[in-house]
Amino acid sequence: EGLDQVQRLADARRTRLVQAEEGIPSVLWVVLVVGGMVTVGFSYLFGLANTWAHRLMVVSLTGVIALVLFTIGAMNYPFSGGARIEPGAFELVLNRFETSKLSDL
């Protein structure tokens, strides 16, 4: 039973490592970029009397969509890059498991 549990833990760890290496599929990137372009394109259909206000609205919408796509790209690989998840929290929990009385069970 103990070996079976260790094997399941090893399998789960392998699965997490494989998933951490995978990024967002290219099909999803295409959907996100085309969706952003369509959204900005539709904003041209809403005409305002003041063209400067309309331009500001379109530029603001384009900026927000670009920032969202940039954030998705930066968070694509959560365990590497500038916006990565540090292992400190995982190590703290592992340390607590090792020092707790529950690990004696």
Protein backbone atom coordinates (compact mmCIF):
# COMPACT_ATOMS: atom_id res chain seq x y z
CA GLU A 1 0.00 0.00 0.00
CA GLY A 2 2.85 2.36 0.86
CA LEU A 3 4.61 1.72 -2.44
CA ASP A 4 1.34 2.27 -4.28
CA GLN A 5 0.93 5.67 -2.62
CA VAL A 6 4.52 6.63 -3.43
CA GLN A 7 3.93 5.64 -7.05
CA ARG A 8 0.77 7.78 -7.20
CA LEU A 9 2.70 10.73 -5.73
CA ALA A 10 5.46 10.27 -8.30
CA ASP A 11 2.90 10.12 -11.12
CA ALA A 12 1.17 13.27 -9.87
CA ARG A 13 4.53 15.06 -9.66
CA ARG A 14 5.42 14.02 -13.21
CA THR A 15 2.05 15.26 -14.44
CA ARG A 16 2.55 18.64 -12.72
CA LEU A 17 6.02 19.00 -14.24
CA VAL A 18 4.72 18.25 -17.73
CA GLN A 19 1.85 20.71 -17.31
CA ALA A 20 4.25 23.39 -16.03
CA GLU A 21 6.25 23.12 -19.26
CA GLU A 22 3.20 23.46 -21.50
CA GLY A 23 2.00 26.89 -22.47
CA ILE A 24 -1.20 28.25 -23.86
CA PRO A 25 -2.06 26.42 -27.10
CA SER A 26 -1.56 28.37 -30.30
CA VAL A 27 -5.24 27.96 -31.19
CA LEU A 28 -6.17 29.87 -28.05
CA TRP A 29 -3.67 32.61 -28.91
CA VAL A 30 -5.28 32.97 -32.33
CA VAL A 31 -8.73 33.23 -30.74
CA LEU A 32 -7.51 35.86 -28.26
CA VAL A 33 -5.76 38.03 -30.84
CA VAL A 34 -8.56 37.79 -33.43
CA GLY A 35 -11.14 38.46 -30.71
CA GLY A 36 -9.24 41.58 -29.68
CA MET A 37 -9.04 42.79 -33.27
CA VAL A 38 -12.76 42.18 -33.83
CA THR A 39 -13.62 44.03 -30.62
CA VAL A 40 -11.55 47.04 -31.63
CA GLY A 41 -13.01 46.86 -35.13
CA PHE A 42 -16.55 46.94 -33.76
CA SER A 43 -15.74 50.06 -31.77
CA TYR A 44 -15.40 51.93 -35.07
CA LEU A 45 -19.09 51.30 -35.71
CA PHE A 46 -20.09 53.48 -32.76
CA GLY A 47 -19.74 56.97 -34.12
CA LEU A 48 -19.53 59.98 -31.85
CA ALA A 49 -20.03 63.59 -32.79
CA ASN A 50 -16.62 64.40 -31.33
CA THR A 51 -13.94 62.51 -33.28
CA TRP A 52 -11.30 63.08 -30.60
CA ALA A 53 -13.48 61.39 -27.99
CA HIS A 54 -14.03 58.48 -30.37
CA ARG A 55 -10.30 58.16 -31.06
CA LEU A 56 -9.57 58.27 -27.33
CA MET A 57 -12.14 55.54 -26.74
CA VAL A 58 -10.67 53.30 -29.45
CA VAL A 59 -7.09 53.86 -28.29
CA SER A 60 -8.07 53.14 -24.67
CA LEU A 61 -9.85 49.92 -25.66
CA THR A 62 -6.87 48.86 -27.77
CA GLY A 63 -4.51 49.56 -24.87
CA VAL A 64 -6.57 47.54 -22.41
CA ILE A 65 -6.77 44.58 -24.79
CA ALA A 66 -3.03 44.79 -25.48
CA LEU A 67 -2.28 44.84 -21.74
CA VAL A 68 -4.53 41.83 -21.15
CA LEU A 69 -2.78 39.89 -23.93
CA PHE A 70 0.61 40.91 -22.53
CA THR A 71 -0.41 39.70 -19.06
CA ILE A 72 -1.61 36.38 -20.47
CA GLY A 73 1.71 36.02 -22.28
CA ALA A 74 3.72 36.87 -19.17
CA MET A 75 1.76 34.36 -17.07
CA ASN A 76 1.95 31.68 -19.78
CA TYR A 77 4.71 29.80 -17.94
CA PRO A 78 4.02 30.36 -14.23
CA PHE A 79 7.24 28.73 -12.96
CA SER A 80 9.68 30.74 -15.10
CA GLY A 81 10.11 34.30 -16.29
CA GLY A 82 9.59 37.60 -14.53
CA ALA A 83 6.18 36.80 -13.05
CA ARG A 84 7.01 33.36 -11.73
CA ILE A 85 5.76 31.55 -8.68
CA GLU A 86 8.58 31.13 -6.22
CA PRO A 87 9.02 27.76 -4.47
CA GLY A 88 9.13 29.38 -1.03
CA ALA A 89 5.48 28.69 -0.22
CA PHE A 90 5.77 25.08 -1.33
CA GLU A 91 8.93 24.61 0.75
CA LEU A 92 7.22 26.13 3.80
CA VAL A 93 4.28 23.73 3.54
CA LEU A 94 6.64 20.79 3.01
CA ASN A 95 8.62 21.87 6.06
CA ARG A 96 5.45 22.05 8.14
CA PHE A 97 4.41 18.57 7.01
CA GLU A 98 7.80 17.19 8.00
CA THR A 99 7.73 18.77 11.47
CA SER A 100 4.09 18.08 12.27
CA LYS A 101 2.89 15.06 14.19
CA LEU A 102 0.69 14.13 11.24
CA SER A 103 3.75 12.90 9.36
CA ASP A 104 4.13 10.14 11.95
CA LEU A 105 0.86 8.58 10.79
